Amino acid sequence: MRYFLLSFLLFLSTGKILSQSLDYARDAVNILASDSLKGRGYVENGDKLAADFIRSEFEKFGLKSYNNSFYQELETSVNTFPDRQSVVINGKELEAGKDYLLDPGSPSLKGTFDVIPVTVDEILDNAKFVNKLRVSSGQLIAVQPFDKSDFTKEQNEQLNGVINFLKYHPQNPSKGTIILTNDKLTWAGSVRQNSNPTIIIHSDSLDGTLKSLKLDIKSSFIEKYTTQNVIGYVEGKNTDSTIVFIAHYDHLGMLGPQATFNGANDNASGTAMLLSLAKHYSENKPNYNTVFIAFGAEELGLIGSKYFTENPLFPLSEIKFLLNFDLAGTGDEGIQVVNGSVYKEKFDELVQINEVRDLLSNIKIRGAACNSDHCMFDQQDVPGFYIYTLGGIQAYHDVYDRPETLPLTEFEDYFKLIVEFISQQ
């Protein structure tokens, strides 16, 4: 009976839910993921440029701020690569982001170095690996490509242990490590700097045998970098409870001026959803106080959301429900709902709305997962979902995640689903 009434009410209210144009979302993604915002990282103030855009939109929509500021500042350490990088093999300079990446914690290193190749068989044989390690002083160790599926769980654990030793342990006697791979190159951020650099090189970029490498790697470790969360709210009809929408706006920044990680899907798209909802509720007074939080430093380890939950601007106990938007730019295969099985009744409501309105092709359920900013709220027993779109382009944490390749396939229907779901809370 409850679902019948819900279905009936949804049919009656169909005309009342405003259709959200894709134009605003597309414009927001184009700005946030533009080269001018430097990958929204920590080179050339990319994070601050992005935060300033979000703040200006909050102001334009007439959102209210806490403590007379839309910013909540916080500090983090971060390893950055602001200068030109150079990796040359056999006289050929490789292209950053496409041919190679640097481990995000890599320090600077310059010079020409001989390369000692290490095979998987040698890594799995302790005696052989130790012998290779002994003669590696002043040289680079190059781990040859391998397919994890060819090895047992125990062998993969050993391989990972050795590779992590080469990449991160200060007692690695070599000048650095090369990881040769056939896999897609994906990057990350780092709040620390390692003892030695690691260069991840795609095998397709090699021309002949790798015997030596000419490097000019330049990194800059910043011990105390000030970044910010951007927070605004709309006062609701009922001020006793709060709905919270969150999305992280930061991304990976730049690997020198040669490679910008624009992060169109991750997470300019989620930020565009946040801004679209802020625009909507500024024009349509919500039932409850509605807070919009764009988190910084998510890519460095959920640092912005951790700081907020430890220093909340309003009582977390007031939160009726929270929605986290990350990777909102596709949707060909529907959406995935993290915490769906944790808050099953809310998940069923979402599914029912979708069936009645025929919006998305599929809504998949998932349990708890600490894989985005919602996790910090989960740990404070705040109820909420983390939702991400499925299908479509696979660009992620690479130089190909750009606005011109992001389809926003189901953005409008996804937006409608969220607005109707919130109206039922």
Protein backbone atom coordinates (compact mmCIF):
# COMPACT_ATOMS: atom_id res chain seq x y z
CA MET A 1 0.00 0.00 0.00
CA ARG A 2 2.85 2.37 0.88
CA TYR A 3 4.51 1.93 -2.53
CA PHE A 4 1.14 2.30 -4.27
CA LEU A 5 0.60 5.66 -2.57
CA LEU A 6 4.13 6.72 -3.39
CA SER A 7 3.61 5.83 -7.04
CA PHE A 8 0.33 7.73 -7.14
CA LEU A 9 1.85 10.82 -5.55
CA LEU A 10 4.79 10.74 -7.94
CA PHE A 11 2.49 10.67 -10.93
CA LEU A 12 0.61 13.65 -9.54
CA SER A 13 3.82 15.56 -8.86
CA THR A 14 5.50 14.87 -12.20
CA GLY A 15 4.67 18.29 -13.54
CA LYS A 16 5.95 20.01 -10.42
CA ILE A 17 9.51 18.71 -10.71
CA LEU A 18 11.46 21.12 -12.84
CA SER A 19 13.50 19.64 -15.64
CA GLN A 20 17.16 20.48 -15.21
CA SER A 21 18.83 21.62 -18.41
CA LEU A 22 22.12 20.02 -19.28
CA ASP A 23 23.46 23.39 -20.33
CA TYR A 24 24.40 24.52 -16.83
CA ALA A 25 26.00 21.19 -15.91
CA ARG A 26 27.98 21.12 -19.15
CA ASP A 27 29.20 24.67 -18.62
CA ALA A 28 30.26 23.85 -15.06
CA VAL A 29 32.19 20.75 -16.18
CA ASN A 30 33.86 22.70 -18.98
CA ILE A 31 35.09 25.30 -16.50
CA LEU A 32 36.12 22.93 -13.70
CA ALA A 33 37.91 20.53 -16.05
CA SER A 34 39.53 23.21 -18.22
CA ASP A 35 43.30 23.45 -18.57
CA SER A 36 43.11 26.89 -16.95
CA LEU A 37 42.21 25.27 -13.60
CA LYS A 38 45.44 23.20 -13.70
CA GLY A 39 43.77 19.88 -12.89
CA ARG A 40 42.34 21.29 -9.62
CA GLY A 41 45.46 20.16 -7.78
CA TYR A 42 48.30 21.79 -5.88
CA VAL A 43 50.35 23.18 -8.75
CA GLU A 44 49.75 26.84 -9.66
CA ASN A 45 46.86 27.03 -7.16
CA GLY A 46 44.58 24.78 -9.18
CA ASP A 47 42.57 23.86 -6.09
CA LYS A 48 42.06 27.50 -5.17
CA LEU A 49 40.94 28.45 -8.67
CA ALA A 50 38.32 25.67 -8.55
CA ALA A 51 37.19 26.65 -5.05
CA ASP A 52 36.83 30.25 -6.14
CA PHE A 53 34.55 29.23 -9.02
CA ILE A 54 32.35 27.14 -6.69
CA ARG A 55 32.20 29.97 -4.14
CA SER A 56 31.17 32.44 -6.83
CA GLU A 57 28.35 30.11 -7.92
CA PHE A 58 27.16 29.74 -4.32
CA GLU A 59 27.10 33.53 -4.03
CA LYS A 60 25.27 33.88 -7.34
CA PHE A 61 22.59 31.45 -6.15
CA GLY A 62 22.17 33.37 -2.90
CA LEU A 63 23.30 30.55 -0.63
CA LYS A 64 24.08 31.36 2.98
CA SER A 65 27.48 30.76 4.56
CA TYR A 66 28.69 29.71 7.98
CA ASN A 67 30.86 32.09 10.00
CA ASN A 68 30.67 34.71 7.22
CA SER A 69 32.71 32.60 4.80
CA PHE A 70 32.03 29.91 2.24
CA TYR A 71 35.51 28.51 2.94
CA GLN A 72 36.64 26.12 5.63
CA GLU A 73 40.44 26.17 5.43
CA LEU A 74 42.66 23.23 6.33
CA GLU A 75 46.30 22.22 5.96
CA THR A 76 47.88 19.19 4.35
CA SER A 77 51.28 18.10 3.15
CA VAL A 78 51.56 17.29 -0.55
CA ASN A 79 54.19 16.21 -3.07
CA THR A 80 53.96 18.14 -6.35
CA PHE A 81 55.60 18.27 -9.79
CA PRO A 82 55.36 21.90 -10.96
CA ASP A 83 58.36 21.87 -13.33
CA ARG A 84 59.06 20.21 -16.63
CA GLN A 85 59.90 16.51 -16.30
CA SER A 86 62.15 14.57 -18.65
CA VAL A 87 62.45 10.81 -19.15
CA VAL A 88 64.60 9.78 -22.12
CA ILE A 89 65.10 6.19 -23.32
CA ASN A 90 67.54 5.41 -26.15
CA GLY A 91 67.47 9.06 -27.21
CA LYS A 92 63.66 9.21 -27.28
CA GLU A 93 61.92 11.52 -24.82
CA LEU A 94 58.77 9.96 -23.41
CA GLU A 95 55.50 11.84 -23.08
CA ALA A 96 54.33 12.43 -19.51
CA GLY A 97 50.91 10.97 -18.75
CA LYS A 98 50.79 8.90 -21.92
CA ASP A 99 54.10 7.02 -22.00
CA TYR A 100 54.99 7.23 -18.32
CA LEU A 101 53.98 8.42 -14.88
CA LEU A 102 55.98 9.14 -11.77
CA ASP A 103 54.94 7.57 -8.50
CA PRO A 104 53.22 10.52 -6.79
CA GLY A 105 55.67 10.38 -3.88
CA SER A 106 58.77 10.52 -6.08
CA PRO A 107 61.60 12.91 -5.15
CA SER A 108 63.82 14.72 -7.66
CA LEU A 109 66.54 12.87 -9.56
CA LYS A 110 68.78 13.95 -12.44
CA GLY A 111 71.34 12.03 -14.44
CA THR A 112 71.92 9.11 -16.80
CA PHE A 113 71.65 5.70 -15.18
CA ASP A 114 72.26 2.10 -16.17
CA VAL A 115 69.27 -0.18 -15.80
CA ILE A 116 69.25 -3.59 -14.12
CA PRO A 117 66.26 -5.66 -15.32
CA VAL A 118 64.48 -7.88 -12.80
CA THR A 119 62.05 -10.57 -13.92
CA VAL A 120 59.12 -11.93 -11.97
CA ASP A 121 60.92 -15.27 -11.57
CA GLU A 122 63.86 -13.45 -9.98
CA ILE A 123 61.56 -11.55 -7.62
CA LEU A 124 59.94 -14.81 -6.52
CA ASP A 125 63.37 -16.36 -5.87
CA ASN A 126 64.72 -14.56 -2.80
CA ALA A 127 68.36 -15.48 -3.44
CA LYS A 128 68.29 -14.24 -7.04
CA PHE A 129 66.50 -11.03 -6.09
CA VAL A 130 68.95 -10.25 -3.27
CA ASN A 131 71.85 -10.68 -5.70
CA LYS A 132 70.26 -8.22 -8.13
CA LEU A 133 69.65 -5.80 -5.29
CA ARG A 134 73.27 -5.95 -4.12
CA VAL A 135 74.64 -4.73 -7.46
CA SER A 136 71.98 -2.04 -7.98
CA SER A 137 73.72 0.76 -6.08
CA GLY A 138 73.84 3.89 -8.24
CA GLN A 139 71.66 2.28 -10.90
CA LEU A 140 67.97 1.82 -11.64
CA ILE A 141 66.09 -1.44 -11.11
CA ALA A 142 63.51 -2.21 -13.81
CA VAL A 143 60.71 -4.66 -12.98
CA GLN A 144 59.64 -6.40 -16.17
CA PRO A 145 55.93 -6.55 -17.14
CA PHE A 146 53.81 -9.36 -15.77
CA ASP A 147 50.17 -10.41 -15.62
CA LYS A 148 48.88 -10.90 -12.07
CA SER A 149 46.38 -13.49 -13.28
CA ASP A 150 49.30 -15.83 -14.09
CA PHE A 151 50.22 -16.17 -10.43
CA THR A 152 48.70 -17.48 -7.23
CA LYS A 153 47.41 -15.25 -4.44
CA GLU A 154 50.52 -15.99 -2.37
CA GLN A 155 52.84 -15.20 -5.30
CA ASN A 156 51.04 -11.91 -5.96
CA GLU A 157 51.40 -10.98 -2.29
CA GLN A 158 55.15 -11.64 -2.56
CA LEU A 159 55.40 -9.64 -5.78
CA ASN A 160 53.52 -6.71 -4.23
CA GLY A 161 55.72 -6.84 -1.15
CA VAL A 162 58.93 -6.68 -3.17
CA ILE A 163 57.65 -3.92 -5.46
CA ASN A 164 56.53 -1.87 -2.46
CA PHE A 165 59.99 -2.34 -0.95
CA LEU A 166 61.60 -1.06 -4.15
CA LYS A 167 59.23 1.91 -4.37
CA TYR A 168 59.06 3.04 -0.77
CA HIS A 169 61.70 1.55 1.50
CA PRO A 170 64.64 3.83 2.39
CA GLN A 171 67.02 0.85 2.41
CA ASN A 172 66.55 0.17 -1.28
CA PRO A 173 70.17 0.69 -2.49
CA SER A 174 69.23 1.60 -6.09
CA LYS A 175 68.81 5.18 -7.30
CA GLY A 176 65.24 4.44 -8.27
CA THR A 177 62.77 1.92 -9.67
CA ILE A 178 61.22 1.46 -13.08
CA ILE A 179 57.95 -0.43 -13.32
CA LEU A 180 57.29 -1.61 -16.86
CA THR A 181 53.60 -2.35 -17.44
CA ASN A 182 51.11 -3.33 -20.09
CA ASP A 183 48.27 -1.87 -18.01
CA LYS A 184 46.55 1.49 -18.37
CA LEU A 185 48.48 4.31 -16.69
CA THR A 186 46.57 5.79 -13.75
CA TRP A 187 47.91 8.39 -11.32
CA ALA A 188 47.21 9.48 -7.73
CA GLY A 189 48.28 12.07 -5.17
CA SER A 190 50.67 11.79 -2.22
CA VAL A 191 51.06 13.56 1.12
CA ARG A 192 54.64 12.29 1.52
CA GLN A 193 57.86 12.11 -0.43
CA ASN A 194 59.67 8.80 -0.84
CA SER A 195 63.41 8.13 -0.58
CA ASN A 196 63.77 7.21 -4.27
CA PRO A 197 61.71 7.91 -7.38
CA THR A 198 59.65 5.34 -9.25
CA ILE A 199 58.91 5.71 -12.95
CA ILE A 200 55.98 3.70 -14.34
CA ILE A 201 56.54 3.20 -18.07
CA HIS A 202 54.05 1.69 -20.50
CA SER A 203 55.67 -1.12 -22.47
CA ASP A 204 54.33 0.23 -25.78
CA SER A 205 56.59 3.27 -25.43
CA LEU A 206 59.77 1.18 -25.47
CA ASP A 207 61.82 1.04 -28.66
CA GLY A 208 64.25 -1.81 -28.24
CA THR A 209 65.95 -2.94 -25.05
CA LEU A 210 65.96 -0.70 -22.01
CA LYS A 211 69.62 -0.41 -20.98
CA SER A 212 69.89 3.14 -19.68
CA LEU A 213 67.66 6.02 -18.77
CA LYS A 214 68.28 9.75 -18.76
CA LEU A 215 66.21 11.47 -16.11
CA ASP A 216 65.45 14.99 -15.04
CA ILE A 217 62.73 14.57 -12.43
CA LYS A 218 61.81 17.64 -10.40
CA SER A 219 59.47 17.44 -7.45
CA SER A 220 58.51 19.93 -4.75
CA PHE A 221 57.33 18.70 -1.36
CA ILE A 222 55.11 21.17 0.50
CA GLU A 223 54.90 20.37 4.21
CA LYS A 224 52.05 22.77 4.97
CA TYR A 225 49.73 23.59 2.10
CA THR A 226 46.50 25.48 2.84
CA THR A 227 43.50 24.22 0.88
CA GLN A 228 39.78 24.50 1.57
CA ASN A 229 36.32 23.01 1.65
CA VAL A 230 33.59 25.18 0.10
CA ILE A 231 30.31 25.16 2.05
CA GLY A 232 26.95 26.89 1.63
CA TYR A 233 23.35 26.20 2.54
CA VAL A 234 19.73 27.03 1.80
CA GLU A 235 17.37 27.45 4.75
CA GLY A 236 14.44 25.04 4.61
CA LYS A 237 10.81 25.17 5.64
CA ASN A 238 11.74 22.93 8.55
CA THR A 239 14.98 23.99 10.23
CA ASP A 240 15.18 21.10 12.71
CA SER A 241 16.77 18.66 10.23
CA THR A 242 19.32 18.91 7.45
CA ILE A 243 19.85 17.31 4.06
CA VAL A 244 23.50 17.31 2.95
CA PHE A 245 24.85 17.04 -0.60
CA ILE A 246 28.59 16.52 -1.00
CA ALA A 247 31.13 16.13 -3.81
CA HIS A 248 34.89 16.52 -3.96
CA TYR A 249 36.12 19.17 -6.36
CA ASP A 250 39.87 18.48 -6.25
CA HIS A 251 41.76 16.29 -8.70
CA LEU A 252 45.37 15.29 -9.40
CA GLY A 253 46.73 18.50 -10.84
CA MET A 254 49.74 18.38 -13.14
CA LEU A 255 52.80 16.26 -13.87
CA GLY A 256 54.85 19.19 -15.03
CA PRO A 257 53.44 21.51 -17.69
CA GLN A 258 53.32 18.56 -20.12
CA ALA A 259 50.47 16.63 -18.47
CA THR A 260 47.28 17.99 -16.91
CA PHE A 261 44.86 15.62 -15.19
CA ASN A 262 41.61 17.51 -15.86
CA GLY A 263 39.28 15.14 -14.01
CA ALA A 264 36.08 15.76 -15.97
CA ASN A 265 34.26 12.68 -14.67
CA ASP A 266 36.30 12.57 -11.46
CA ASN A 267 34.96 14.78 -10.17
CA ALA A 268 33.94 17.86 -12.14
CA SER A 269 30.78 15.88 -12.94
CA GLY A 270 29.90 15.29 -9.28
CA THR A 271 30.63 18.94 -8.50
CA ALA A 272 28.36 19.93 -11.39
CA MET A 273 25.59 17.82 -9.82
CA LEU A 274 26.20 19.55 -6.49
CA LEU A 275 26.02 22.98 -8.14
CA SER A 276 22.93 22.02 -10.15
CA LEU A 277 21.16 21.01 -6.95
CA ALA A 278 22.30 24.21 -5.23
CA LYS A 279 20.82 26.19 -8.10
CA HIS A 280 17.58 24.22 -7.96
CA TYR A 281 17.03 24.56 -4.22
CA SER A 282 17.94 28.23 -4.24
CA GLU A 283 14.97 28.66 -6.58
CA ASN A 284 12.69 26.09 -4.89
CA LYS A 285 12.69 26.30 -1.09
CA PRO A 286 13.49 22.82 0.27
CA ASN A 287 11.63 21.04 3.07
CA TYR A 288 14.73 21.00 5.28
CA ASN A 289 17.90 23.00 5.68
CA THR A 290 19.99 21.88 2.72
CA VAL A 291 23.79 22.03 2.86
CA PHE A 292 26.15 21.83 -0.10
CA ILE A 293 29.77 20.85 0.61
CA ALA A 294 32.50 20.75 -2.06
CA PHE A 295 35.41 18.95 -0.44
CA GLY A 296 39.08 19.60 -1.07
CA ALA A 297 41.92 17.08 -0.72
CA GLU A 298 39.80 14.00 -1.35
CA GLU A 299 42.41 12.67 -3.74
CA LEU A 300 45.03 12.96 -1.01
CA GLY A 301 43.13 10.63 1.29
CA LEU A 302 39.68 12.07 2.16
CA ILE A 303 41.43 14.86 4.05
CA GLY A 304 38.83 17.58 3.49
CA SER A 305 35.89 15.45 4.64
CA LYS A 306 37.86 14.13 7.61
CA TYR A 307 38.62 17.68 8.68
CA PHE A 308 34.97 18.69 8.33
CA THR A 309 33.61 15.78 10.37
CA GLU A 310 36.17 16.59 13.09
CA ASN A 311 35.30 20.30 12.89
CA PRO A 312 31.64 20.42 11.79
CA LEU A 313 29.98 23.77 11.17
CA PHE A 314 26.64 22.39 12.39
CA PRO A 315 25.79 19.32 14.52
CA LEU A 316 26.19 16.13 12.49
CA SER A 317 23.30 14.69 14.48
CA GLU A 318 20.97 17.06 12.60
CA ILE A 319 21.67 15.33 9.27
CA LYS A 320 18.57 13.49 8.11
CA PHE A 321 20.29 12.05 5.02
CA LEU A 322 23.45 12.66 2.98
CA LEU A 323 24.21 12.08 -0.69
CA ASN A 324 27.74 11.94 -2.09
CA PHE A 325 28.22 12.50 -5.84
CA ASP A 326 31.44 11.21 -7.39
CA LEU A 327 31.78 10.13 -11.05
CA ALA A 328 28.41 11.43 -12.23
CA GLY A 329 29.22 11.85 -15.92
CA THR A 330 28.01 8.66 -17.62
CA GLY A 331 25.08 6.38 -16.67
CA ASP A 332 24.70 4.16 -19.74
CA GLU A 333 24.36 1.21 -17.35
CA GLY A 334 22.62 3.10 -14.54
CA ILE A 335 24.02 3.95 -11.11
CA GLN A 336 25.64 2.13 -8.20
CA VAL A 337 24.51 2.95 -4.66
CA VAL A 338 27.10 2.43 -1.95
CA ASN A 339 25.40 1.87 1.44
CA GLY A 340 22.29 0.68 -0.41
CA SER A 341 22.17 -2.51 1.65
CA VAL A 342 22.94 -0.56 4.83
CA TYR A 343 19.92 1.73 4.36
CA LYS A 344 17.76 -0.73 2.45
CA GLU A 345 14.45 1.09 3.00
CA LYS A 346 15.90 4.28 1.49
CA PHE A 347 17.37 2.26 -1.37
CA ASP A 348 13.97 0.71 -2.08
CA GLU A 349 12.44 4.21 -2.18
CA LEU A 350 15.05 5.25 -4.75
CA VAL A 351 14.33 2.17 -6.88
CA GLN A 352 10.56 2.73 -6.66
CA ILE A 353 10.86 6.33 -7.82
CA ASN A 354 13.05 5.23 -10.72
CA GLU A 355 10.58 2.55 -11.79
CA VAL A 356 7.63 4.95 -11.67
CA ARG A 357 9.43 7.69 -13.59
CA ASP A 358 11.39 5.35 -15.92
CA LEU A 359 14.57 7.40 -15.55
CA LEU A 360 17.68 5.20 -15.33
CA SER A 361 18.25 1.76 -16.82
CA ASN A 362 19.44 0.21 -13.56
CA ILE A 363 20.05 0.98 -9.90
CA LYS A 364 22.56 -1.44 -8.41
CA ILE A 365 22.90 -2.05 -4.71
CA ARG A 366 26.19 -2.22 -2.83
CA GLY A 367 27.22 -2.40 0.80
CA ALA A 368 29.44 -0.04 2.76
CA ALA A 369 32.74 1.01 1.15
CA CYS A 370 35.25 3.59 2.33
CA ASN A 371 36.05 4.84 -1.16
CA SER A 372 34.96 8.49 -1.13
CA ASP A 373 34.09 11.35 1.23
CA HIS A 374 30.89 9.76 2.56
CA CYS A 375 33.15 7.37 4.50
CA MET A 376 34.04 10.04 7.05
CA PHE A 377 30.31 10.57 7.72
CA ASP A 378 29.69 6.82 7.88
CA GLN A 379 32.17 6.69 10.74
CA GLN A 380 30.05 9.28 12.57
CA ASP A 381 26.86 7.22 11.99
CA VAL A 382 25.41 9.75 9.56
CA PRO A 383 22.98 7.99 7.19
CA GLY A 384 23.69 8.43 3.51
CA PHE A 385 24.48 7.06 0.05
CA TYR A 386 27.46 7.40 -2.22
CA ILE A 387 26.22 7.18 -5.81
CA TYR A 388 28.26 6.88 -8.99
CA THR A 389 27.27 6.31 -12.60
CA LEU A 390 28.06 3.12 -14.53
CA GLY A 391 29.07 2.37 -18.11
CA GLY A 392 30.35 4.66 -20.82
CA ILE A 393 33.89 5.98 -21.05
CA GLN A 394 36.54 4.40 -18.84
CA ALA A 395 38.84 7.41 -18.47
CA TYR A 396 39.83 7.67 -14.80
CA HIS A 397 42.83 9.22 -13.05
CA ASP A 398 44.48 9.70 -16.41
CA VAL A 399 45.06 12.47 -18.95
CA TYR A 400 42.09 11.31 -21.03
CA ASP A 401 39.39 12.29 -18.50
CA ARG A 402 38.60 15.54 -20.28
CA PRO A 403 35.36 17.51 -20.75
CA GLU A 404 35.20 16.91 -24.50
CA THR A 405 35.06 13.13 -23.94
CA LEU A 406 32.51 13.22 -21.08
CA PRO A 407 29.00 12.45 -22.39
CA LEU A 408 26.87 13.32 -19.29
CA THR A 409 24.64 10.59 -20.73
CA GLU A 410 22.07 10.36 -17.94
CA PHE A 411 22.82 13.51 -15.99
CA GLU A 412 19.37 15.06 -16.38
CA ASP A 413 17.46 11.91 -15.39
CA TYR A 414 19.89 11.33 -12.53
CA PHE A 415 19.18 14.88 -11.34
CA LYS A 416 15.41 14.30 -11.49
CA LEU A 417 15.77 11.08 -9.52
CA ILE A 418 17.66 12.83 -6.73
CA VAL A 419 15.22 15.75 -6.50
CA GLU A 420 12.23 13.39 -6.25
CA PHE A 421 14.02 11.16 -3.73
CA ILE A 422 14.77 14.13 -1.49
CA SER A 423 11.18 15.34 -1.76
CA GLN A 424 10.08 12.06 -0.12
CA GLN A 425 12.34 12.44 2.92
